[in-house]
C-alpha atoms as a PDB file:
ATOM      1  CA  MET A   1     -11.041  21.912   0.929  1.00  0.00           C
ATOM      2  CA  SER A   2      -8.149  22.473  -1.352  1.00  0.00           C
ATOM      3  CA  THR A   3      -6.919  19.760  -3.660  1.00  0.00           C
ATOM      4  CA  GLU A   4      -4.072  18.743  -1.689  1.00  0.00           C
ATOM      5  CA  GLN A   5      -6.254  18.026   1.403  1.00  0.00           C
ATOM      6  CA  THR A   6      -8.769  16.185  -0.728  1.00  0.00           C
ATOM      7  CA  ASN A   7      -6.030  13.778  -2.107  1.00  0.00           C
ATOM      8  CA  THR A   8      -4.477  13.401   1.409  1.00  0.00           C
ATOM      9  CA  SER A   9      -7.837  12.695   2.943  1.00  0.00           C
ATOM     10  CA  ILE A  10      -8.313   9.612   0.289  1.00  0.00           C
ATOM     11  CA  ALA A  11      -4.894   8.756   0.583  1.00  0.00           C
ATOM     12  CA  LEU A  12      -5.229   8.283   4.300  1.00  0.00           C
ATOM     13  CA  ARG A  13      -8.772   6.368   4.007  1.00  0.00           C
ATOM     14  CA  TYR A  14      -7.102   4.227   1.289  1.00  0.00           C
ATOM     15  CA  LEU A  15      -4.393   3.247   3.920  1.00  0.00           C
ATOM     16  CA  ALA A  16      -7.161   2.464   6.639  1.00  0.00           C
ATOM     17  CA  ALA A  17      -8.971   0.340   3.990  1.00  0.00           C
ATOM     18  CA  LEU A  18      -6.084  -1.784   3.466  1.00  0.00           C
ATOM     19  CA  GLU A  19      -5.376  -2.129   7.267  1.00  0.00           C
ATOM     20  CA  ARG A  20      -8.756  -3.449   7.734  1.00  0.00           C
ATOM     21  CA  GLY A  21      -8.650  -5.947   4.931  1.00  0.00           C
ATOM     22  CA  ALA A  22     -10.671  -4.483   2.132  1.00  0.00           C
ATOM     23  CA  VAL A  23     -10.794  -6.388  -0.984  1.00  0.00           C
ATOM     24  CA  GLY A  24     -12.954  -6.411  -4.290  1.00  0.00           C
ATOM     25  CA  ASP A  25     -15.105  -3.107  -5.035  1.00  0.00           C
ATOM     26  CA  GLU A  26     -14.218  -1.570  -1.676  1.00  0.00           C
ATOM     27  CA  LEU A  27     -10.608  -1.476  -2.434  1.00  0.00           C
ATOM     28  CA  ALA A  28     -11.206  -0.762  -6.347  1.00  0.00           C
ATOM     29  CA  ALA A  29     -13.299   2.399  -5.515  1.00  0.00           C
ATOM     30  CA  PHE A  30      -9.894   3.980  -4.566  1.00  0.00           C
ATOM     31  CA  PHE A  31      -8.298   3.457  -8.111  1.00  0.00           C
ATOM     32  CA  ALA A  32      -9.079   4.815 -12.017  1.00  0.00           C
ATOM     33  CA  PRO A  33      -9.526   1.709 -14.038  1.00  0.00           C
ATOM     34  CA  ASP A  34      -6.450   2.222 -15.605  1.00  0.00           C
ATOM     35  CA  VAL A  35      -4.346   2.665 -12.640  1.00  0.00           C
ATOM     36  CA  VAL A  36      -0.583   1.340 -12.654  1.00  0.00           C
ATOM     37  CA  GLN A  37       1.518   0.650  -9.486  1.00  0.00           C
ATOM     38  CA  GLU A  38       5.138   0.140  -9.482  1.00  0.00           C
ATOM     39  CA  GLU A  39       6.706  -1.711  -6.596  1.00  0.00           C
ATOM     40  CA  PHE A  40      10.586  -1.018  -6.764  1.00  0.00           C
ATOM     41  CA  PRO A  41      13.078  -3.866  -5.671  1.00  0.00           C
ATOM     42  CA  ASN A  42      12.796  -5.000  -2.145  1.00  0.00           C
ATOM     43  CA  ARG A  43      13.128  -8.068   0.065  1.00  0.00           C
ATOM     44  CA  LEU A  44       9.960  -9.744  -0.882  1.00  0.00           C
ATOM     45  CA  VAL A  45      10.016  -8.475  -4.791  1.00  0.00           C
ATOM     46  CA  PRO A  46      13.955  -8.576  -5.834  1.00  0.00           C
ATOM     47  CA  ASN A  47      13.048  -7.537  -9.333  1.00  0.00           C
ATOM     48  CA  GLY A  48      10.203  -5.035  -8.476  1.00  0.00           C
ATOM     49  CA  ALA A  49       6.964  -5.222 -10.026  1.00  0.00           C
ATOM     50  CA  ARG A  50       4.299  -3.427 -12.226  1.00  0.00           C
ATOM     51  CA  ARG A  51       0.612  -4.119 -11.673  1.00  0.00           C
ATOM     52  CA  GLY A  52      -2.527  -2.842 -12.795  1.00  0.00           C
ATOM     53  CA  LEU A  53      -6.062  -2.771 -11.155  1.00  0.00           C
ATOM     54  CA  ALA A  54      -6.779  -6.733 -11.460  1.00  0.00           C
ATOM     55  CA  GLU A  55      -3.474  -7.617 -10.124  1.00  0.00           C
ATOM     56  CA  LEU A  56      -3.706  -4.854  -7.104  1.00  0.00           C
ATOM     57  CA  LEU A  57      -7.445  -6.546  -6.379  1.00  0.00           C
ATOM     58  CA  ASP A  58      -5.956 -10.011  -6.525  1.00  0.00           C
ATOM     59  CA  GLY A  59      -2.595  -8.997  -4.475  1.00  0.00           C
ATOM     60  CA  ALA A  60      -5.120  -7.912  -1.599  1.00  0.00           C
ATOM     61  CA  ILE A  61      -6.698 -11.233  -1.584  1.00  0.00           C
ATOM     62  CA  ARG A  62      -3.211 -13.272  -1.439  1.00  0.00           C
ATOM     63  CA  GLY A  63      -2.017 -10.700   0.957  1.00  0.00           C
ATOM     64  CA  GLN A  64      -4.903 -11.658   3.201  1.00  0.00           C
ATOM     65  CA  GLN A  65      -3.796 -15.579   3.063  1.00  0.00           C
ATOM     66  CA  VAL A  66      -0.079 -14.316   4.299  1.00  0.00           C
ATOM     67  CA  MET A  67      -0.682 -11.684   6.860  1.00  0.00           C
ATOM     68  CA  SER A  68      -3.243 -11.949   9.722  1.00  0.00           C
ATOM     69  CA  SER A  69      -3.130  -8.111  10.361  1.00  0.00           C
ATOM     70  CA  GLN A  70      -1.298  -5.026   9.419  1.00  0.00           C
ATOM     71  CA  ARG A  71      -0.921  -1.630  10.463  1.00  0.00           C
ATOM     72  CA  PHE A  72       0.058   1.743   8.502  1.00  0.00           C
ATOM     73  CA  ASP A  73       1.722   4.377  10.837  1.00  0.00           C
ATOM     74  CA  VAL A  74       1.714   7.593   8.663  1.00  0.00           C
ATOM     75  CA  GLN A  75       4.943   9.476  10.038  1.00  0.00           C
ATOM     76  CA  ASN A  76       4.626  12.404   7.310  1.00  0.00           C
ATOM     77  CA  SER A  77       2.505  13.262   4.336  1.00  0.00           C
ATOM     78  CA  PHE A  78       3.337  15.819   1.554  1.00  0.00           C
ATOM     79  CA  ALA A  79       0.923  16.808  -0.950  1.00  0.00           C
ATOM     80  CA  GLN A  80       1.167  18.986  -3.841  1.00  0.00           C
ATOM     81  CA  GLY A  81      -1.077  19.207  -6.886  1.00  0.00           C
ATOM     82  CA  GLU A  82      -2.367  16.023  -7.775  1.00  0.00           C
ATOM     83  CA  GLN A  83       0.363  13.894  -5.977  1.00  0.00           C
ATOM     84  CA  VAL A  84       0.469  12.869  -2.335  1.00  0.00           C
ATOM     85  CA  LEU A  85       3.597  11.557  -0.584  1.00  0.00           C
ATOM     86  CA  LEU A  86       3.196   9.412   2.450  1.00  0.00           C
ATOM     87  CA  GLU A  87       6.200   7.994   4.703  1.00  0.00           C
ATOM     88  CA  VAL A  88       4.783   5.246   6.530  1.00  0.00           C
ATOM     89  CA  ALA A  89       6.251   2.559   9.564  1.00  0.00           C
ATOM     90  CA  TRP A  90       4.282  -0.635   8.746  1.00  0.00           C
ATOM     91  CA  SER A  91       4.036  -3.799  10.725  1.00  0.00           C
ATOM     92  CA  GLY A  92       2.289  -7.007   9.892  1.00  0.00           C
ATOM     93  CA  THR A  93       1.612 -10.248  11.673  1.00  0.00           C
ATOM     94  CA  LEU A  94       2.334 -13.319   9.526  1.00  0.00           C
ATOM     95  CA  ALA A  95      -0.448 -15.591   9.167  1.00  0.00           C
ATOM     96  CA  ILE A  96       2.339 -18.385   7.703  1.00  0.00           C
ATOM     97  CA  ALA A  97       5.813 -18.911   8.002  1.00  0.00           C
ATOM     98  CA  LEU A  98       7.703 -16.404   5.766  1.00  0.00           C
ATOM     99  CA  GLY A  99      11.569 -16.848   5.483  1.00  0.00           C
ATOM    100  CA  SER A 100      13.057 -17.150   9.222  1.00  0.00           C
ATOM    101  CA  LEU A 101       9.758 -15.779  10.427  1.00  0.00           C
ATOM    102  CA  ALA A 102       7.213 -17.967  11.967  1.00  0.00           C
ATOM    103  CA  GLY A 103       3.481 -17.699  11.786  1.00  0.00           C
ATOM    104  CA  GLY A 104       2.403 -14.975  14.149  1.00  0.00           C
ATOM    105  CA  ASP A 105       5.800 -13.128  14.253  1.00  0.00           C
ATOM    106  CA  GLN A 106       6.059  -9.772  13.208  1.00  0.00           C
ATOM    107  CA  MET A 107       7.469  -8.171   9.999  1.00  0.00           C
ATOM    108  CA  ARG A 108       8.297  -4.340   9.975  1.00  0.00           C
ATOM    109  CA  ALA A 109       8.804  -2.008   7.130  1.00  0.00           C
ATOM    110  CA  ARG A 110       9.514   1.591   6.258  1.00  0.00           C
ATOM    111  CA  PHE A 111       8.291   2.711   3.281  1.00  0.00           C
ATOM    112  CA  ALA A 112       7.230   5.802   0.989  1.00  0.00           C
ATOM    113  CA  VAL A 113       4.535   5.623  -1.364  1.00  0.00           C
ATOM    114  CA  VAL A 114       3.554   8.345  -4.088  1.00  0.00           C
ATOM    115  CA  LEU A 115       0.186   8.548  -5.028  1.00  0.00           C
ATOM    116  CA  VAL A 116      -1.107  10.560  -8.407  1.00  0.00           C
ATOM    117  CA  PHE A 117      -4.756  11.293  -8.388  1.00  0.00           C
ATOM    118  CA  GLN A 118      -6.921  12.106 -11.029  1.00  0.00           C
ATOM    119  CA  ASP A 119     -10.349  13.018 -10.566  1.00  0.00           C
ATOM    120  CA  GLY A 120     -10.349  11.905  -6.962  1.00  0.00           C
ATOM    121  CA  LYS A 121      -9.105   8.360  -7.885  1.00  0.00           C
ATOM    122  CA  ILE A 122      -5.451   6.874  -7.614  1.00  0.00           C
ATOM    123  CA  VAL A 123      -4.125   6.612 -11.328  1.00  0.00           C
ATOM    124  CA  SER A 124      -0.653   5.942 -10.237  1.00  0.00           C
ATOM    125  CA  GLN A 125       1.247   4.348  -7.098  1.00  0.00           C
ATOM    126  CA  ARG A 126       4.694   4.093  -6.665  1.00  0.00           C
ATOM    127  CA  ASN A 127       6.202   1.808  -3.558  1.00  0.00           C
ATOM    128  CA  TYR A 128       9.513   2.259  -2.100  1.00  0.00           C
ATOM    129  CA  ASP A 129       9.483  -0.510   0.553  1.00  0.00           C
ATOM    130  CA  CYS A 130      12.339  -1.111   3.002  1.00  0.00           C
ATOM    131  CA  PHE A 131      11.994  -4.106   5.074  1.00  0.00           C
ATOM    132  CA  ASP A 132      13.579  -4.830   8.565  1.00  0.00           C
ATOM    133  CA  PRO A 133      15.806  -7.955   8.412  1.00  0.00           C
ATOM    134  CA  TRP A 134      14.289 -11.287   9.078  1.00  0.00           C
END
């Protein structure tokens, strides 16, 4: 299996883990200890964000309090060397009210995520999220 195929497989397993609500060690297993995640400005994070491993893991736990479920439908994937780019249609069911949405309502977004791997671990993640209006 090529590096590109291996990294794409790990990237898809990572999204599947997020979809089933992985937290703690199960989620941490995808990342290098010095991972950096950048989330570019969007409706939920207007100023963008930069996170390390601890913040990513804390965010997964907080996310479970906001979303009762989520789904990642990969539309396209591209890999070159140690980088994987995924184009994803995301939907999530809210556990709480958010903005004009009530608990139980669906949120939707399209996003691209660029994952950079080293030795089979994610060392960099860049998210470009575009939420449907709510």
